[in-house]
Amino acid sequence: MEKSLKSSAINYGLYLGLTLAVVNIIAYVVDIKLFNSIWVLVAILVSIITFGIISINSSKKMLGGFISFKKAFTSYFITVALGLFISTVVYFLIFNVVDTESAQVLAEMQIENQVKMMENFGAPQASIDEAVAKLEQNNPFSIGNQFLGYAIFLTIMSLIGLVIAAVTKKNDPNEA
C-alpha cells in the first residue's frame, strides 16, 4: 500500500480515536450509566463503520477511483485499529487513573444487568449466583481485560470491514 494511503488511514484513525475519546469523556461527565446504554453502543458502532468507509473512499479517490479488496480492507483496518486503540486507552485512564470509584459503580451496574438478563432467560438461581461470583472476582477495567476487549471488538469490526471492503472494492479494468 502506498505511503499516502497509509497516512490517510492513520489520519482517519486519529479522527476516529478522537471522536470515540470524546464520546467516552462525555458519557463519563454526563452520566456514567451511558456506558451501559445500547444507544451509545449503536452510536459508537455507526461512528466506527462510518470512519472506516470514509477512509476506504478517500483511498479509492487517491487511487483514481479504483481500489483492490486488499487495499480497501487495509485502509479500513488501520483506521479502526488506531481509533479503537485510542478509545481503549482513554477508557482505561478514566476508570483506572481519574476515577476508580466510578469503575466500581459501573462494574456493579454491569453485574445487575447480567443478573436481569439471566433472570429474563429463566436461568436457575444457582447459575446466577455462580455468574455473579465470577463477575465480582474479575476486574473489567484491568489492563488485560481492556486489551482483551479491544482485541475482541477489533475482530468483530474487522469482520464487518471484510464485507465493506468487498462491497467498496473496484478493480481497475486496465489491470489484468
N, C-alpha and C. Protein backbone atom coordinates (compact mmCIF):
# COMPACT_ATOMS: atom_id res chain seq x y z
N MET A 1 0.84 -1.17 0.00
CA MET A 1 0.00 0.00 0.00
C MET A 1 0.88 1.23 0.00
N GLU A 2 0.52 2.19 -0.80
CA GLU A 2 1.31 3.40 -0.91
C GLU A 2 1.31 4.16 0.41
N LYS A 3 2.41 4.90 0.62
CA LYS A 3 2.57 5.63 1.87
C LYS A 3 1.42 6.61 2.09
N SER A 4 0.96 7.28 1.05
CA SER A 4 -0.10 8.26 1.23
C SER A 4 -1.41 7.60 1.67
N LEU A 5 -1.65 6.36 1.22
CA LEU A 5 -2.86 5.66 1.65
C LEU A 5 -2.77 5.30 3.13
N LYS A 6 -1.60 4.86 3.57
CA LYS A 6 -1.43 4.55 4.99
C LYS A 6 -1.55 5.82 5.82
N SER A 7 -0.96 6.90 5.35
CA SER A 7 -1.05 8.17 6.06
C SER A 7 -2.50 8.63 6.18
N SER A 8 -3.24 8.48 5.11
CA SER A 8 -4.66 8.85 5.13
C SER A 8 -5.42 7.99 6.12
N ALA A 9 -5.18 6.69 6.11
CA ALA A 9 -5.86 5.78 7.04
C ALA A 9 -5.48 6.11 8.49
N ILE A 10 -4.22 6.44 8.70
CA ILE A 10 -3.79 6.83 10.05
C ILE A 10 -4.50 8.11 10.49
N ASN A 11 -4.59 9.08 9.59
CA ASN A 11 -5.30 10.32 9.93
C ASN A 11 -6.75 10.05 10.31
N TYR A 12 -7.44 9.23 9.52
CA TYR A 12 -8.82 8.90 9.85
C TYR A 12 -8.91 8.11 11.15
N GLY A 13 -7.91 7.29 11.41
CA GLY A 13 -7.85 6.57 12.68
C GLY A 13 -7.71 7.53 13.86
N LEU A 14 -6.91 8.56 13.68
CA LEU A 14 -6.76 9.58 14.73
C LEU A 14 -8.08 10.33 14.93
N TYR A 15 -8.75 10.66 13.84
CA TYR A 15 -10.06 11.33 13.94
C TYR A 15 -11.07 10.43 14.64
N LEU A 16 -11.07 9.16 14.29
CA LEU A 16 -11.98 8.21 14.93
C LEU A 16 -11.65 8.10 16.41
N GLY A 17 -10.37 7.96 16.72
CA GLY A 17 -9.95 7.86 18.12
C GLY A 17 -10.36 9.08 18.92
N LEU A 18 -10.20 10.25 18.33
CA LEU A 18 -10.61 11.49 19.00
C LEU A 18 -12.13 11.50 19.21
N THR A 19 -12.87 11.09 18.19
CA THR A 19 -14.34 11.04 18.30
C THR A 19 -14.76 10.09 19.41
N LEU A 20 -14.20 8.89 19.43
CA LEU A 20 -14.56 7.91 20.45
C LEU A 20 -14.11 8.35 21.85
N ALA A 21 -12.97 9.01 21.92
CA ALA A 21 -12.49 9.53 23.21
C ALA A 21 -13.45 10.59 23.74
N VAL A 22 -13.91 11.46 22.84
CA VAL A 22 -14.88 12.49 23.24
C VAL A 22 -16.18 11.85 23.72
N VAL A 23 -16.64 10.82 23.02
CA VAL A 23 -17.85 10.10 23.45
C VAL A 23 -17.65 9.52 24.85
N ASN A 24 -16.49 8.89 25.09
CA ASN A 24 -16.19 8.34 26.42
C ASN A 24 -16.19 9.42 27.49
N ILE A 25 -15.56 10.54 27.19
CA ILE A 25 -15.46 11.63 28.17
C ILE A 25 -16.84 12.23 28.43
N ILE A 26 -17.62 12.44 27.38
CA ILE A 26 -18.97 12.99 27.56
C ILE A 26 -19.83 12.03 28.38
N ALA A 27 -19.77 10.75 28.06
CA ALA A 27 -20.54 9.77 28.83
C ALA A 27 -20.13 9.78 30.29
N TYR A 28 -18.84 9.90 30.54
CA TYR A 28 -18.34 9.94 31.92
C TYR A 28 -18.83 11.19 32.65
N VAL A 29 -18.77 12.34 31.98
CA VAL A 29 -19.13 13.60 32.61
C VAL A 29 -20.65 13.72 32.79
N VAL A 30 -21.42 13.33 31.78
CA VAL A 30 -22.87 13.50 31.83
C VAL A 30 -23.52 12.50 32.77
N ASP A 31 -23.30 11.23 32.54
CA ASP A 31 -23.92 10.19 33.37
C ASP A 31 -23.23 8.86 33.09
N ILE A 32 -22.65 8.31 34.11
CA ILE A 32 -21.89 7.07 33.95
C ILE A 32 -22.75 5.92 33.41
N LYS A 33 -24.07 6.01 33.61
CA LYS A 33 -24.98 4.98 33.11
C LYS A 33 -24.96 4.91 31.58
N LEU A 34 -24.50 5.96 30.94
CA LEU A 34 -24.43 5.95 29.47
C LEU A 34 -23.48 4.88 28.94
N PHE A 35 -22.52 4.46 29.75
CA PHE A 35 -21.60 3.41 29.32
C PHE A 35 -22.31 2.08 29.13
N ASN A 36 -23.47 1.92 29.76
CA ASN A 36 -24.26 0.70 29.61
C ASN A 36 -25.44 0.88 28.66
N SER A 37 -25.49 2.01 27.98
CA SER A 37 -26.61 2.31 27.09
C SER A 37 -26.43 1.65 25.72
N ILE A 38 -27.47 1.01 25.26
CA ILE A 38 -27.43 0.39 23.93
C ILE A 38 -27.31 1.46 22.85
N TRP A 39 -27.88 2.63 23.11
CA TRP A 39 -27.85 3.71 22.11
C TRP A 39 -26.44 4.27 21.94
N VAL A 40 -25.70 4.35 23.03
CA VAL A 40 -24.31 4.79 22.93
C VAL A 40 -23.50 3.76 22.15
N LEU A 41 -23.76 2.47 22.42
CA LEU A 41 -23.07 1.41 21.68
C LEU A 41 -23.38 1.50 20.19
N VAL A 42 -24.64 1.72 19.86
CA VAL A 42 -25.03 1.86 18.45
C VAL A 42 -24.33 3.07 17.82
N ALA A 43 -24.29 4.17 18.53
CA ALA A 43 -23.62 5.37 18.02
C ALA A 43 -22.12 5.11 17.78
N ILE A 44 -21.51 4.36 18.69
CA ILE A 44 -20.09 4.02 18.54
C ILE A 44 -19.88 3.12 17.32
N LEU A 45 -20.73 2.11 17.17
CA LEU A 45 -20.62 1.22 16.01
C LEU A 45 -20.80 1.98 14.70
N VAL A 46 -21.79 2.85 14.66
CA VAL A 46 -22.03 3.65 13.45
C VAL A 46 -20.83 4.55 13.16
N SER A 47 -20.26 5.14 14.19
CA SER A 47 -19.09 6.00 14.02
C SER A 47 -17.91 5.22 13.46
N ILE A 48 -17.67 4.05 14.01
CA ILE A 48 -16.54 3.23 13.56
C ILE A 48 -16.72 2.83 12.10
N ILE A 49 -17.89 2.35 11.77
CA ILE A 49 -18.15 1.93 10.39
C ILE A 49 -18.07 3.12 9.43
N THR A 50 -18.61 4.25 9.85
CA THR A 50 -18.58 5.45 9.01
C THR A 50 -17.15 5.90 8.73
N PHE A 51 -16.33 5.97 9.77
CA PHE A 51 -14.94 6.38 9.57
C PHE A 51 -14.20 5.37 8.69
N GLY A 52 -14.50 4.08 8.87
CA GLY A 52 -13.88 3.06 8.03
C GLY A 52 -14.24 3.24 6.56
N ILE A 53 -15.50 3.50 6.29
CA ILE A 53 -15.96 3.71 4.91
C ILE A 53 -15.36 4.99 4.33
N ILE A 54 -15.32 6.05 5.13
CA ILE A 54 -14.71 7.30 4.66
C ILE A 54 -13.24 7.08 4.32
N SER A 55 -12.56 6.31 5.14
CA SER A 55 -11.15 6.01 4.89
C SER A 55 -10.97 5.25 3.57
N ILE A 56 -11.82 4.26 3.35
CA ILE A 56 -11.75 3.49 2.09
C ILE A 56 -12.03 4.41 0.90
N ASN A 57 -13.06 5.23 1.01
CA ASN A 57 -13.41 6.13 -0.10
C ASN A 57 -12.31 7.13 -0.37
N SER A 58 -11.65 7.61 0.67
CA SER A 58 -10.52 8.52 0.49
C SER A 58 -9.38 7.82 -0.24
N SER A 59 -9.11 6.60 0.16
CA SER A 59 -8.05 5.82 -0.51
C SER A 59 -8.41 5.55 -1.96
N LYS A 60 -9.68 5.23 -2.20
CA LYS A 60 -10.14 4.97 -3.56
C LYS A 60 -9.95 6.22 -4.43
N LYS A 61 -10.27 7.36 -3.86
CA LYS A 61 -10.12 8.62 -4.59
C LYS A 61 -8.64 8.86 -4.93
N MET A 62 -7.74 8.58 -3.98
CA MET A 62 -6.30 8.74 -4.21
C MET A 62 -5.80 7.83 -5.33
N LEU A 63 -6.46 6.69 -5.48
CA LEU A 63 -6.04 5.72 -6.49
C LEU A 63 -6.80 5.90 -7.81
N GLY A 64 -7.43 7.03 -8.00
CA GLY A 64 -8.10 7.32 -9.25
C GLY A 64 -9.45 6.63 -9.40
N GLY A 65 -10.10 6.33 -8.31
CA GLY A 65 -11.44 5.74 -8.37
C GLY A 65 -11.46 4.22 -8.31
N PHE A 66 -10.30 3.60 -8.22
CA PHE A 66 -10.22 2.14 -8.16
C PHE A 66 -9.47 1.75 -6.89
N ILE A 67 -9.89 0.63 -6.30
CA ILE A 67 -9.20 0.12 -5.12
C ILE A 67 -9.40 -1.39 -5.05
N SER A 68 -8.33 -2.09 -4.75
CA SER A 68 -8.42 -3.55 -4.60
C SER A 68 -9.03 -3.88 -3.25
N PHE A 69 -9.48 -5.11 -3.12
CA PHE A 69 -10.03 -5.57 -1.85
C PHE A 69 -9.00 -5.42 -0.74
N LYS A 70 -7.76 -5.81 -1.02
CA LYS A 70 -6.70 -5.76 -0.01
C LYS A 70 -6.46 -4.33 0.46
N LYS A 71 -6.35 -3.41 -0.47
CA LYS A 71 -6.10 -2.01 -0.08
C LYS A 71 -7.31 -1.41 0.64
N ALA A 72 -8.50 -1.78 0.21
CA ALA A 72 -9.70 -1.28 0.88
C ALA A 72 -9.75 -1.78 2.32
N PHE A 73 -9.50 -3.07 2.50
CA PHE A 73 -9.54 -3.62 3.85
C PHE A 73 -8.42 -3.05 4.71
N THR A 74 -7.23 -2.90 4.14
CA THR A 74 -6.10 -2.36 4.90
C THR A 74 -6.40 -0.93 5.36
N SER A 75 -6.97 -0.14 4.48
CA SER A 75 -7.34 1.23 4.84
C SER A 75 -8.35 1.23 5.98
N TYR A 76 -9.36 0.40 5.87
CA TYR A 76 -10.38 0.27 6.91
C TYR A 76 -9.74 -0.19 8.22
N PHE A 77 -8.94 -1.24 8.15
CA PHE A 77 -8.37 -1.85 9.34
C PHE A 77 -7.46 -0.88 10.10
N ILE A 78 -6.59 -0.17 9.39
CA ILE A 78 -5.69 0.78 10.05
C ILE A 78 -6.51 1.84 10.79
N THR A 79 -7.53 2.36 10.11
CA THR A 79 -8.38 3.39 10.71
C THR A 79 -9.05 2.87 11.98
N VAL A 80 -9.68 1.72 11.88
CA VAL A 80 -10.44 1.17 13.01
C VAL A 80 -9.51 0.74 14.14
N ALA A 81 -8.41 0.09 13.82
CA ALA A 81 -7.48 -0.38 14.86
C ALA A 81 -6.92 0.79 15.66
N LEU A 82 -6.53 1.84 14.98
CA LEU A 82 -5.97 3.01 15.67
C LEU A 82 -7.05 3.73 16.48
N GLY A 83 -8.21 3.92 15.90
CA GLY A 83 -9.29 4.60 16.61
C GLY A 83 -9.71 3.85 17.86
N LEU A 84 -9.87 2.54 17.76
CA LEU A 84 -10.26 1.74 18.92
C LEU A 84 -9.16 1.71 19.98
N PHE A 85 -7.90 1.71 19.53
CA PHE A 85 -6.79 1.72 20.48
C PHE A 85 -6.82 3.01 21.32
N ILE A 86 -6.98 4.13 20.65
CA ILE A 86 -7.03 5.41 21.36
C ILE A 86 -8.21 5.42 22.34
N SER A 87 -9.36 4.95 21.89
CA SER A 87 -10.54 4.89 22.74
C SER A 87 -10.31 3.99 23.95
N THR A 88 -9.68 2.86 23.75
CA THR A 88 -9.39 1.92 24.84
C THR A 88 -8.46 2.55 25.87
N VAL A 89 -7.45 3.26 25.40
CA VAL A 89 -6.52 3.93 26.32
C VAL A 89 -7.25 4.99 27.14
N VAL A 90 -8.10 5.78 26.50
CA VAL A 90 -8.85 6.81 27.22
C VAL A 90 -9.78 6.17 28.25
N TYR A 91 -10.49 5.13 27.85
CA TYR A 91 -11.40 4.41 28.75
C TYR A 91 -10.62 3.87 29.95
N PHE A 92 -9.47 3.27 29.68
CA PHE A 92 -8.62 2.74 30.75
C PHE A 92 -8.20 3.85 31.71
N LEU A 93 -7.78 4.98 31.17
CA LEU A 93 -7.33 6.09 32.01
C LEU A 93 -8.47 6.65 32.86
N ILE A 94 -9.65 6.76 32.26
CA ILE A 94 -10.80 7.28 33.02
C ILE A 94 -11.06 6.42 34.25
N PHE A 95 -11.08 5.11 34.08
CA PHE A 95 -11.52 4.24 35.17
C PHE A 95 -10.38 3.66 36.01
N ASN A 96 -9.14 3.87 35.64
CA ASN A 96 -8.03 3.36 36.44
C ASN A 96 -7.13 4.45 37.00
N VAL A 97 -7.26 5.66 36.47
CA VAL A 97 -6.42 6.75 36.94
C VAL A 97 -7.28 7.90 37.47
N VAL A 98 -8.22 8.34 36.68
CA VAL A 98 -9.02 9.52 37.02
C VAL A 98 -10.03 9.23 38.12
N ASP A 99 -10.80 8.15 37.98
CA ASP A 99 -11.91 7.92 38.92
C ASP A 99 -12.16 6.42 39.09
N THR A 100 -11.43 5.81 40.01
CA THR A 100 -11.58 4.38 40.24
C THR A 100 -12.91 4.05 40.92
N GLU A 101 -13.48 5.01 41.64
CA GLU A 101 -14.78 4.76 42.29
C GLU A 101 -15.88 4.57 41.25
N SER A 102 -15.82 5.34 40.17
CA SER A 102 -16.80 5.17 39.09
C SER A 102 -16.67 3.81 38.44
N ALA A 103 -15.47 3.30 38.40
CA ALA A 103 -15.25 1.97 37.83
C ALA A 103 -16.00 0.93 38.66
N GLN A 104 -15.98 1.07 39.97
CA GLN A 104 -16.69 0.13 40.84
C GLN A 104 -18.20 0.24 40.63
N VAL A 105 -18.70 1.47 40.49
CA VAL A 105 -20.13 1.68 40.26
C VAL A 105 -20.54 1.06 38.93
N LEU A 106 -19.75 1.29 37.90
CA LEU A 106 -20.05 0.75 36.58
C LEU A 106 -19.99 -0.78 36.58
N ALA A 107 -19.03 -1.33 37.30
CA ALA A 107 -18.92 -2.80 37.40
C ALA A 107 -20.16 -3.37 38.08
N GLU A 108 -20.65 -2.71 39.12
CA GLU A 108 -21.86 -3.16 39.80
C GLU A 108 -23.07 -3.08 38.87
N MET A 109 -23.14 -2.02 38.08
CA MET A 109 -24.23 -1.88 37.12
C MET A 109 -24.19 -2.99 36.08
N GLN A 110 -22.99 -3.37 35.64
CA GLN A 110 -22.85 -4.44 34.66
C GLN A 110 -23.29 -5.78 35.26
N ILE A 111 -22.99 -5.99 36.53
CA ILE A 111 -23.42 -7.21 37.21
C ILE A 111 -24.95 -7.24 37.30
N GLU A 112 -25.54 -6.11 37.68
CA GLU A 112 -27.00 -6.03 37.76
C GLU A 112 -27.65 -6.32 36.41
N ASN A 113 -27.08 -5.77 35.35
CA ASN A 113 -27.62 -6.02 34.00
C ASN A 113 -27.50 -7.50 33.63
N GLN A 114 -26.39 -8.12 34.00
CA GLN A 114 -26.19 -9.54 33.72
C GLN A 114 -27.22 -10.38 34.47
N VAL A 115 -27.46 -10.04 35.73
CA VAL A 115 -28.45 -10.77 36.53
C VAL A 115 -29.83 -10.64 35.91
N LYS A 116 -30.22 -9.41 35.54
CA LYS A 116 -31.54 -9.20 34.92
C LYS A 116 -31.68 -10.02 33.64
N MET A 117 -30.62 -10.03 32.83
CA MET A 117 -30.67 -10.78 31.58
C MET A 117 -30.82 -12.28 31.86
N MET A 118 -30.07 -12.80 32.82
CA MET A 118 -30.16 -14.22 33.14
C MET A 118 -31.53 -14.57 33.70
N GLU A 119 -32.09 -13.68 34.52
CA GLU A 119 -33.43 -13.92 35.06
C GLU A 119 -34.46 -13.92 33.95
N ASN A 120 -34.31 -13.02 32.99
CA ASN A 120 -35.24 -12.96 31.86
C ASN A 120 -35.19 -14.23 31.01
N PHE A 121 -34.02 -14.87 30.97
CA PHE A 121 -33.89 -16.12 30.22
C PHE A 121 -34.25 -17.34 31.06
N GLY A 122 -34.65 -17.09 32.31
CA GLY A 122 -35.09 -18.18 33.16
C GLY A 122 -33.97 -19.03 33.73
N ALA A 123 -32.79 -18.44 33.91
CA ALA A 123 -31.66 -19.20 34.46
C ALA A 123 -31.93 -19.54 35.93
N PRO A 124 -31.50 -20.70 36.38
CA PRO A 124 -31.69 -21.07 37.78
C PRO A 124 -30.84 -20.15 38.69
N GLN A 125 -31.30 -19.96 39.91
CA GLN A 125 -30.63 -19.06 40.84
C GLN A 125 -29.18 -19.48 41.09
N ALA A 126 -28.91 -20.78 41.11
CA ALA A 126 -27.54 -21.26 41.32
C ALA A 126 -26.61 -20.77 40.21
N SER A 127 -27.09 -20.78 38.98
CA SER A 127 -26.29 -20.30 37.84
C SER A 127 -26.06 -18.80 37.94
N ILE A 128 -27.09 -18.10 38.36
CA ILE A 128 -26.96 -16.65 38.51
C ILE A 128 -25.94 -16.32 39.59
N ASP A 129 -26.03 -17.02 40.72
CA ASP A 129 -25.09 -16.78 41.82
C ASP A 129 -23.66 -17.09 41.40
N GLU A 130 -23.48 -18.15 40.65
CA GLU A 130 -22.15 -18.52 40.16
C GLU A 130 -21.60 -17.45 39.22
N ALA A 131 -22.45 -16.95 38.31
CA ALA A 131 -22.03 -15.92 37.37
C ALA A 131 -21.67 -14.63 38.11
N VAL A 132 -22.46 -14.27 39.10
CA VAL A 132 -22.19 -13.06 39.89
C VAL A 132 -20.86 -13.20 40.63
N ALA A 133 -20.60 -14.36 41.20
CA ALA A 133 -19.34 -14.59 41.91
C ALA A 133 -18.14 -14.41 40.97
N LYS A 134 -18.26 -14.95 39.76
CA LYS A 134 -17.17 -14.81 38.79
C LYS A 134 -16.99 -13.36 38.38
N LEU A 135 -18.09 -12.66 38.15
CA LEU A 135 -18.01 -11.26 37.75
C LEU A 135 -17.42 -10.39 38.86
N GLU A 136 -17.74 -10.70 40.11
CA GLU A 136 -17.20 -9.92 41.23
C GLU A 136 -15.71 -10.13 41.40
N GLN A 137 -15.21 -11.30 41.03
CA GLN A 137 -13.78 -11.58 41.14
C GLN A 137 -12.98 -10.93 40.01
N ASN A 138 -13.65 -10.63 38.92
CA ASN A 138 -12.99 -10.14 37.73
C ASN A 138 -13.05 -8.61 37.69
N ASN A 139 -11.91 -7.97 37.43
CA ASN A 139 -11.88 -6.51 37.28
C ASN A 139 -12.00 -6.17 35.80
N PRO A 140 -13.18 -5.72 35.36
CA PRO A 140 -13.36 -5.45 33.93
C PRO A 140 -12.51 -4.28 33.43
N PHE A 141 -11.92 -3.52 34.34
CA PHE A 141 -11.15 -2.35 33.95
C PHE A 141 -9.64 -2.57 34.02
N SER A 142 -9.22 -3.80 34.28
CA SER A 142 -7.79 -4.10 34.30
C SER A 142 -7.22 -3.95 32.89
N ILE A 143 -5.94 -3.74 32.81
CA ILE A 143 -5.32 -3.54 31.50
C ILE A 143 -5.48 -4.79 30.63
N GLY A 144 -5.41 -5.96 31.24
CA GLY A 144 -5.58 -7.20 30.49
C GLY A 144 -6.98 -7.32 29.90
N ASN A 145 -7.99 -7.03 30.72
CA ASN A 145 -9.37 -7.11 30.23
C ASN A 145 -9.68 -6.02 29.21
N GLN A 146 -9.07 -4.86 29.40
CA GLN A 146 -9.29 -3.79 28.43
C GLN A 146 -8.74 -4.18 27.06
N PHE A 147 -7.56 -4.76 27.03
CA PHE A 147 -6.98 -5.12 25.74
C PHE A 147 -7.58 -6.40 25.18
N LEU A 148 -8.11 -7.25 26.03
CA LEU A 148 -8.89 -8.39 25.54
C LEU A 148 -10.16 -7.87 24.86
N GLY A 149 -10.82 -6.92 25.50
CA GLY A 149 -11.99 -6.29 24.90
C GLY A 149 -11.66 -5.60 23.60
N TYR A 150 -10.50 -4.94 23.56
CA TYR A 150 -10.04 -4.28 22.34
C TYR A 150 -9.86 -5.32 21.22
N ALA A 151 -9.22 -6.42 21.54
CA ALA A 151 -8.97 -7.46 20.53
C ALA A 151 -10.27 -8.07 20.03
N ILE A 152 -11.20 -8.33 20.93
CA ILE A 152 -12.48 -8.92 20.52
C ILE A 152 -13.26 -7.94 19.66
N PHE A 153 -13.34 -6.68 20.10
CA PHE A 153 -14.09 -5.68 19.35
C PHE A 153 -13.44 -5.41 17.99
N LEU A 154 -12.10 -5.39 17.95
CA LEU A 154 -11.40 -5.20 16.69
C LEU A 154 -11.66 -6.37 15.74
N THR A 155 -11.73 -7.57 16.27
CA THR A 155 -12.04 -8.74 15.45
C THR A 155 -13.43 -8.63 14.84
N ILE A 156 -14.40 -8.26 15.67
CA ILE A 156 -15.78 -8.09 15.18
C ILE A 156 -15.84 -7.00 14.12
N MET A 157 -15.19 -5.87 14.39
CA MET A 157 -15.21 -4.77 13.43
C MET A 157 -14.44 -5.13 12.15
N SER A 158 -13.44 -5.99 12.27
CA SER A 158 -12.70 -6.45 11.09
C SER A 158 -13.56 -7.34 10.20
N LEU A 159 -14.38 -8.16 10.82
CA LEU A 159 -15.30 -8.99 10.03
C LEU A 159 -16.27 -8.10 9.25
N ILE A 160 -16.77 -7.07 9.90
CA ILE A 160 -17.62 -6.10 9.21
C ILE A 160 -16.82 -5.41 8.11
N GLY A 161 -15.56 -5.11 8.40
CA GLY A 161 -14.68 -4.46 7.42
C GLY A 161 -14.43 -5.31 6.19
N LEU A 162 -14.36 -6.62 6.37
CA LEU A 162 -14.19 -7.51 5.21
C LEU A 162 -15.38 -7.38 4.26
N VAL A 163 -16.57 -7.31 4.82
CA VAL A 163 -17.77 -7.15 4.00
C VAL A 163 -17.75 -5.78 3.31
N ILE A 164 -17.42 -4.75 4.07
CA ILE A 164 -17.38 -3.39 3.50
C ILE A 164 -16.33 -3.30 2.39
N ALA A 165 -15.17 -3.89 2.61
CA ALA A 165 -14.11 -3.88 1.60
C ALA A 165 -14.55 -4.60 0.33
N ALA A 166 -15.26 -5.71 0.51
CA ALA A 166 -15.75 -6.47 -0.65
C ALA A 166 -16.77 -5.65 -1.43
N VAL A 167 -17.60 -4.90 -0.73
CA VAL A 167 -18.64 -4.09 -1.40
C VAL A 167 -18.04 -2.86 -2.05
N THR A 168 -17.03 -2.25 -1.43
CA THR A 168 -16.50 -0.98 -1.95
C THR A 168 -15.35 -1.14 -2.94
N LYS A 169 -14.80 -2.33 -3.05
CA LYS A 169 -13.66 -2.51 -3.97
C LYS A 169 -14.13 -2.24 -5.41
N LYS A 170 -13.21 -1.73 -6.16
CA LYS A 170 -13.49 -1.50 -7.58
C LYS A 170 -12.17 -1.71 -8.31
N ASN A 171 -12.11 -2.81 -9.07
CA ASN A 171 -10.88 -3.15 -9.76
C ASN A 171 -10.72 -2.29 -10.99
N ASP A 172 -9.48 -1.92 -11.26
CA ASP A 172 -9.15 -1.14 -12.44
C ASP A 172 -9.22 -2.06 -13.66
N PRO A 173 -10.07 -1.75 -14.65
CA PRO A 173 -10.18 -2.63 -15.82
C PRO A 173 -8.92 -2.63 -16.67
N ASN A 174 -8.03 -1.67 -16.50
CA ASN A 174 -6.79 -1.63 -17.26
C ASN A 174 -5.74 -2.59 -16.70
N GLU A 175 -5.95 -3.04 -15.46
CA GLU A 175 -5.02 -4.01 -14.87
C GLU A 175 -5.58 -5.40 -15.08
N ALA A 176 -4.79 -6.27 -15.63
CA ALA A 176 -5.29 -7.62 -15.93
C ALA A 176 -5.24 -8.53 -14.77
